[in-house]
Amino acid sequence: MMRFSYILQNKDGRGRRVPRGQAWQWVHAVPDLDQLMPILDWLSKRVQVDQLELINVYLDHVAITDPQHAALVFEAKSKIRYSKITTPHRVINMFERPDLENTLQHMGTA
């Protein structure tokens, strides 16, 4: 299993996924890259549609923008920001709730 984590921050109050002014972190356990791609697609949609900031995206504790992850291509990758001072207001452990993990992977444009 690979550990995948990211933070979505809502600075200006648009969208309804993350409350205005807050940053929420999601942590997933994914068995392989095929299972990761739907999550990356979902992230790209959230960044675009809800106008959220994508912060601190890591795969097995390595930044997803690191050269070793160059093969992972998704729309929001160029918008990732890394911050040592952003702390999440809420942490959502998707690996503790496999039903949520499956729901997220099948949400498509949700």
N, C-alpha and C. Protein backbone atom coordinates (compact mmCIF):
# COMPACT_ATOMS: atom_id res chain seq x y z
N MET A 1 0.84 -1.20 0.00
CA MET A 1 0.00 0.00 0.00
C MET A 1 0.88 1.25 0.00
N MET A 2 0.43 2.22 -0.77
CA MET A 2 1.11 3.51 -0.79
C MET A 2 0.26 4.51 -0.01
N ARG A 3 0.94 5.41 0.69
CA ARG A 3 0.25 6.46 1.42
C ARG A 3 0.21 7.70 0.54
N PHE A 4 -0.98 8.24 0.32
CA PHE A 4 -1.16 9.43 -0.50
C PHE A 4 -1.90 10.47 0.34
N SER A 5 -1.33 11.66 0.43
CA SER A 5 -1.97 12.71 1.24
C SER A 5 -1.90 14.05 0.52
N TYR A 6 -2.88 14.89 0.84
CA TYR A 6 -2.94 16.23 0.25
C TYR A 6 -3.82 17.11 1.12
N ILE A 7 -3.69 18.42 0.92
CA ILE A 7 -4.51 19.40 1.62
C ILE A 7 -5.24 20.23 0.58
N LEU A 8 -6.54 20.44 0.81
CA LEU A 8 -7.32 21.38 0.01
C LEU A 8 -7.67 22.56 0.92
N GLN A 9 -7.37 23.77 0.45
CA GLN A 9 -7.62 24.97 1.24
C GLN A 9 -8.59 25.88 0.50
N ASN A 10 -9.56 26.40 1.24
CA ASN A 10 -10.56 27.31 0.70
C ASN A 10 -10.28 28.70 1.26
N LYS A 11 -9.58 29.52 0.51
CA LYS A 11 -9.23 30.85 0.99
C LYS A 11 -10.34 31.87 0.79
N ASP A 12 -11.10 31.75 -0.30
CA ASP A 12 -12.06 32.81 -0.63
C ASP A 12 -13.52 32.44 -0.45
N GLY A 13 -13.81 31.26 0.04
CA GLY A 13 -15.19 30.89 0.34
C GLY A 13 -15.99 30.33 -0.81
N ARG A 14 -15.37 30.10 -1.95
CA ARG A 14 -16.10 29.48 -3.06
C ARG A 14 -16.16 27.98 -2.84
N GLY A 15 -17.15 27.36 -3.44
CA GLY A 15 -17.28 25.92 -3.29
C GLY A 15 -17.82 25.56 -1.91
N ARG A 16 -18.22 24.30 -1.76
CA ARG A 16 -18.81 23.87 -0.49
C ARG A 16 -18.09 22.69 0.13
N ARG A 17 -17.04 22.22 -0.48
CA ARG A 17 -16.37 21.01 0.02
C ARG A 17 -15.57 21.29 1.29
N VAL A 18 -14.94 22.44 1.33
CA VAL A 18 -14.12 22.84 2.48
C VAL A 18 -14.64 24.20 2.94
N PRO A 19 -14.93 24.38 4.23
CA PRO A 19 -15.43 25.67 4.70
C PRO A 19 -14.44 26.81 4.43
N ARG A 20 -14.99 27.99 4.25
CA ARG A 20 -14.19 29.18 3.98
C ARG A 20 -13.12 29.39 5.04
N GLY A 21 -11.91 29.66 4.58
CA GLY A 21 -10.80 29.94 5.47
C GLY A 21 -10.15 28.71 6.09
N GLN A 22 -10.61 27.52 5.72
CA GLN A 22 -10.05 26.31 6.31
C GLN A 22 -9.25 25.50 5.31
N ALA A 23 -8.40 24.65 5.85
CA ALA A 23 -7.61 23.70 5.07
C ALA A 23 -7.89 22.31 5.64
N TRP A 24 -8.29 21.39 4.76
CA TRP A 24 -8.56 20.02 5.17
C TRP A 24 -7.58 19.10 4.50
N GLN A 25 -7.11 18.11 5.24
CA GLN A 25 -6.15 17.14 4.70
C GLN A 25 -6.84 15.79 4.55
N TRP A 26 -6.57 15.14 3.41
CA TRP A 26 -7.05 13.78 3.15
C TRP A 26 -5.85 12.86 3.11
N VAL A 27 -6.01 11.66 3.67
CA VAL A 27 -4.97 10.65 3.65
C VAL A 27 -5.59 9.36 3.11
N HIS A 28 -4.99 8.82 2.06
CA HIS A 28 -5.48 7.60 1.42
C HIS A 28 -4.42 6.51 1.51
N ALA A 29 -4.85 5.28 1.48
CA ALA A 29 -3.96 4.13 1.30
C ALA A 29 -4.36 3.51 -0.03
N VAL A 30 -3.49 3.60 -1.02
CA VAL A 30 -3.81 3.07 -2.35
C VAL A 30 -2.87 1.91 -2.67
N PRO A 31 -3.42 0.83 -3.23
CA PRO A 31 -2.60 -0.35 -3.49
C PRO A 31 -1.66 -0.19 -4.68
N ASP A 32 -2.07 0.63 -5.66
CA ASP A 32 -1.23 0.80 -6.85
C ASP A 32 -1.60 2.10 -7.56
N LEU A 33 -0.84 2.44 -8.59
CA LEU A 33 -1.06 3.70 -9.30
C LEU A 33 -2.39 3.73 -10.04
N ASP A 34 -2.89 2.57 -10.45
CA ASP A 34 -4.20 2.53 -11.12
C ASP A 34 -5.31 3.02 -10.19
N GLN A 35 -5.19 2.73 -8.91
CA GLN A 35 -6.17 3.18 -7.93
C GLN A 35 -5.98 4.66 -7.58
N LEU A 36 -4.78 5.18 -7.81
CA LEU A 36 -4.49 6.58 -7.50
C LEU A 36 -5.06 7.53 -8.55
N MET A 37 -5.10 7.12 -9.80
CA MET A 37 -5.50 8.01 -10.89
C MET A 37 -6.91 8.60 -10.71
N PRO A 38 -7.93 7.83 -10.30
CA PRO A 38 -9.24 8.45 -10.09
C PRO A 38 -9.22 9.53 -9.00
N ILE A 39 -8.39 9.34 -7.99
CA ILE A 39 -8.27 10.34 -6.93
C ILE A 39 -7.62 11.61 -7.49
N LEU A 40 -6.59 11.46 -8.31
CA LEU A 40 -5.93 12.62 -8.92
C LEU A 40 -6.88 13.36 -9.85
N ASP A 41 -7.70 12.63 -10.58
CA ASP A 41 -8.70 13.27 -11.46
C ASP A 41 -9.73 14.03 -10.63
N TRP A 42 -10.17 13.43 -9.53
CA TRP A 42 -11.12 14.09 -8.63
C TRP A 42 -10.51 15.37 -8.06
N LEU A 43 -9.25 15.29 -7.66
CA LEU A 43 -8.55 16.47 -7.13
C LEU A 43 -8.51 17.60 -8.16
N SER A 44 -8.18 17.26 -9.39
CA SER A 44 -8.12 18.27 -10.45
C SER A 44 -9.46 18.96 -10.62
N LYS A 45 -10.54 18.20 -10.55
CA LYS A 45 -11.88 18.79 -10.68
C LYS A 45 -12.20 19.69 -9.50
N ARG A 46 -11.83 19.27 -8.30
CA ARG A 46 -12.11 20.09 -7.12
C ARG A 46 -11.33 21.40 -7.18
N VAL A 47 -10.09 21.35 -7.59
CA VAL A 47 -9.27 22.56 -7.69
C VAL A 47 -9.89 23.52 -8.71
N GLN A 48 -10.35 22.98 -9.82
CA GLN A 48 -10.91 23.83 -10.87
C GLN A 48 -12.33 24.30 -10.53
N VAL A 49 -13.22 23.39 -10.20
CA VAL A 49 -14.63 23.73 -9.99
C VAL A 49 -14.83 24.52 -8.70
N ASP A 50 -14.27 24.04 -7.59
CA ASP A 50 -14.46 24.69 -6.30
C ASP A 50 -13.41 25.77 -6.02
N GLN A 51 -12.47 25.92 -6.90
CA GLN A 51 -11.39 26.91 -6.79
C GLN A 51 -10.67 26.80 -5.44
N LEU A 52 -10.28 25.57 -5.12
CA LEU A 52 -9.53 25.30 -3.90
C LEU A 52 -8.05 25.27 -4.20
N GLU A 53 -7.24 25.59 -3.20
CA GLU A 53 -5.79 25.48 -3.35
C GLU A 53 -5.37 24.06 -2.98
N LEU A 54 -4.48 23.50 -3.78
CA LEU A 54 -3.95 22.16 -3.55
C LEU A 54 -2.56 22.31 -2.95
N ILE A 55 -2.39 21.77 -1.74
CA ILE A 55 -1.17 22.00 -0.97
C ILE A 55 -0.60 20.67 -0.48
N ASN A 56 0.72 20.60 -0.45
CA ASN A 56 1.43 19.48 0.18
C ASN A 56 0.93 18.11 -0.27
N VAL A 57 1.12 17.81 -1.54
CA VAL A 57 0.69 16.52 -2.09
C VAL A 57 1.87 15.55 -2.05
N TYR A 58 1.69 14.47 -1.29
CA TYR A 58 2.77 13.50 -1.10
C TYR A 58 2.31 12.09 -1.41
N LEU A 59 3.19 11.32 -2.02
CA LEU A 59 2.98 9.90 -2.26
C LEU A 59 4.12 9.17 -1.57
N ASP A 60 3.78 8.38 -0.56
CA ASP A 60 4.79 7.71 0.27
C ASP A 60 5.85 8.69 0.79
N HIS A 61 5.38 9.81 1.30
CA HIS A 61 6.21 10.83 1.94
C HIS A 61 7.18 11.53 0.99
N VAL A 62 6.95 11.43 -0.32
CA VAL A 62 7.76 12.12 -1.32
C VAL A 62 6.82 13.05 -2.08
N ALA A 63 7.23 14.30 -2.28
CA ALA A 63 6.39 15.25 -3.02
C ALA A 63 6.03 14.67 -4.38
N ILE A 64 4.77 14.80 -4.76
CA ILE A 64 4.32 14.23 -6.02
C ILE A 64 4.92 14.98 -7.21
N THR A 65 5.48 16.16 -6.96
CA THR A 65 6.15 16.92 -8.02
C THR A 65 7.62 16.54 -8.14
N ASP A 66 8.08 15.63 -7.31
CA ASP A 66 9.46 15.15 -7.36
C ASP A 66 9.70 14.41 -8.69
N PRO A 67 10.92 14.49 -9.24
CA PRO A 67 11.21 13.81 -10.51
C PRO A 67 10.88 12.32 -10.52
N GLN A 68 10.94 11.65 -9.37
CA GLN A 68 10.63 10.22 -9.37
C GLN A 68 9.15 9.95 -9.67
N HIS A 69 8.30 10.98 -9.56
CA HIS A 69 6.88 10.84 -9.88
C HIS A 69 6.52 11.56 -11.18
N ALA A 70 7.49 11.76 -12.04
CA ALA A 70 7.26 12.49 -13.30
C ALA A 70 6.21 11.82 -14.18
N ALA A 71 6.07 10.52 -14.08
CA ALA A 71 5.11 9.79 -14.91
C ALA A 71 3.66 10.04 -14.49
N LEU A 72 3.46 10.53 -13.28
CA LEU A 72 2.11 10.84 -12.81
C LEU A 72 1.70 12.21 -13.34
N VAL A 73 0.81 12.21 -14.29
CA VAL A 73 0.38 13.45 -14.92
C VAL A 73 -1.11 13.65 -14.64
N PHE A 74 -1.44 14.82 -14.11
CA PHE A 74 -2.84 15.18 -13.90
C PHE A 74 -2.94 16.70 -13.95
N GLU A 75 -4.14 17.18 -14.26
CA GLU A 75 -4.34 18.59 -14.56
C GLU A 75 -3.87 19.54 -13.45
N ALA A 76 -4.12 19.23 -12.21
CA ALA A 76 -3.82 20.14 -11.12
C ALA A 76 -2.36 20.08 -10.65
N LYS A 77 -1.55 19.23 -11.24
CA LYS A 77 -0.18 19.05 -10.76
C LYS A 77 0.62 20.35 -10.79
N SER A 78 0.39 21.16 -11.79
CA SER A 78 1.14 22.43 -11.91
C SER A 78 0.66 23.48 -10.91
N LYS A 79 -0.46 23.23 -10.23
CA LYS A 79 -1.01 24.20 -9.28
C LYS A 79 -0.68 23.87 -7.83
N ILE A 80 0.08 22.82 -7.61
CA ILE A 80 0.40 22.39 -6.24
C ILE A 80 1.37 23.38 -5.60
N ARG A 81 1.08 23.70 -4.34
CA ARG A 81 1.94 24.58 -3.56
C ARG A 81 2.38 23.79 -2.32
N TYR A 82 3.63 23.96 -1.95
CA TYR A 82 4.14 23.28 -0.76
C TYR A 82 4.37 24.32 0.33
N SER A 83 3.90 24.02 1.52
CA SER A 83 3.98 24.96 2.63
C SER A 83 4.33 24.22 3.92
N LYS A 84 5.25 24.79 4.67
CA LYS A 84 5.60 24.20 5.97
C LYS A 84 4.77 24.81 7.08
N ILE A 85 4.01 25.86 6.77
CA ILE A 85 3.24 26.53 7.82
C ILE A 85 1.74 26.24 7.76
N THR A 86 1.25 25.69 6.66
CA THR A 86 -0.18 25.37 6.55
C THR A 86 -0.48 24.11 7.36
N THR A 87 -1.36 24.26 8.33
CA THR A 87 -1.78 23.10 9.12
C THR A 87 -3.27 22.87 8.87
N PRO A 88 -3.66 21.64 8.69
CA PRO A 88 -5.07 21.37 8.40
C PRO A 88 -5.96 21.56 9.63
N HIS A 89 -7.17 22.04 9.37
CA HIS A 89 -8.18 22.17 10.42
C HIS A 89 -8.86 20.82 10.68
N ARG A 90 -8.80 19.97 9.67
CA ARG A 90 -9.42 18.65 9.77
C ARG A 90 -8.58 17.66 8.97
N VAL A 91 -8.42 16.44 9.49
CA VAL A 91 -7.71 15.37 8.77
C VAL A 91 -8.71 14.23 8.56
N ILE A 92 -8.84 13.83 7.29
CA ILE A 92 -9.78 12.78 6.93
C ILE A 92 -8.97 11.56 6.49
N ASN A 93 -9.00 10.52 7.30
CA ASN A 93 -8.26 9.29 7.00
C ASN A 93 -9.16 8.36 6.20
N MET A 94 -8.98 8.37 4.89
CA MET A 94 -9.82 7.56 4.02
C MET A 94 -9.52 6.07 4.18
N PHE A 95 -8.32 5.71 4.60
CA PHE A 95 -7.98 4.29 4.74
C PHE A 95 -8.67 3.65 5.92
N GLU A 96 -9.20 4.45 6.83
CA GLU A 96 -9.95 3.90 7.96
C GLU A 96 -11.41 3.64 7.59
N ARG A 97 -11.83 4.19 6.46
CA ARG A 97 -13.20 4.03 5.99
C ARG A 97 -13.18 3.59 4.54
N PRO A 98 -12.98 2.29 4.26
CA PRO A 98 -12.90 1.83 2.88
C PRO A 98 -14.15 2.16 2.07
N ASP A 99 -15.31 2.27 2.73
CA ASP A 99 -16.52 2.62 2.00
C ASP A 99 -16.42 4.02 1.42
N LEU A 100 -15.79 4.96 2.15
CA LEU A 100 -15.58 6.31 1.64
C LEU A 100 -14.57 6.31 0.50
N GLU A 101 -13.54 5.51 0.62
CA GLU A 101 -12.53 5.41 -0.44
C GLU A 101 -13.18 4.96 -1.74
N ASN A 102 -14.02 3.93 -1.67
CA ASN A 102 -14.70 3.43 -2.87
C ASN A 102 -15.65 4.47 -3.42
N THR A 103 -16.34 5.19 -2.55
CA THR A 103 -17.26 6.23 -3.00
C THR A 103 -16.51 7.32 -3.74
N LEU A 104 -15.41 7.77 -3.20
CA LEU A 104 -14.62 8.82 -3.84
C LEU A 104 -14.13 8.37 -5.21
N GLN A 105 -13.67 7.15 -5.31
CA GLN A 105 -13.14 6.66 -6.57
C GLN A 105 -14.21 6.53 -7.64
N HIS A 106 -15.46 6.39 -7.23
CA HIS A 106 -16.54 6.23 -8.21
C HIS A 106 -17.36 7.51 -8.39
N MET A 107 -16.95 8.61 -7.77
CA MET A 107 -17.72 9.84 -7.83
C MET A 107 -17.65 10.52 -9.19
N GLY A 108 -16.58 10.34 -9.91
CA GLY A 108 -16.46 10.99 -11.21
C GLY A 108 -16.44 12.49 -11.08
N THR A 109 -17.50 13.16 -11.46
CA THR A 109 -17.55 14.62 -11.44
C THR A 109 -18.17 15.17 -10.18
N ALA A 110 -18.44 14.36 -9.20
CA ALA A 110 -19.09 14.83 -7.98
C ALA A 110 -18.29 15.89 -7.29
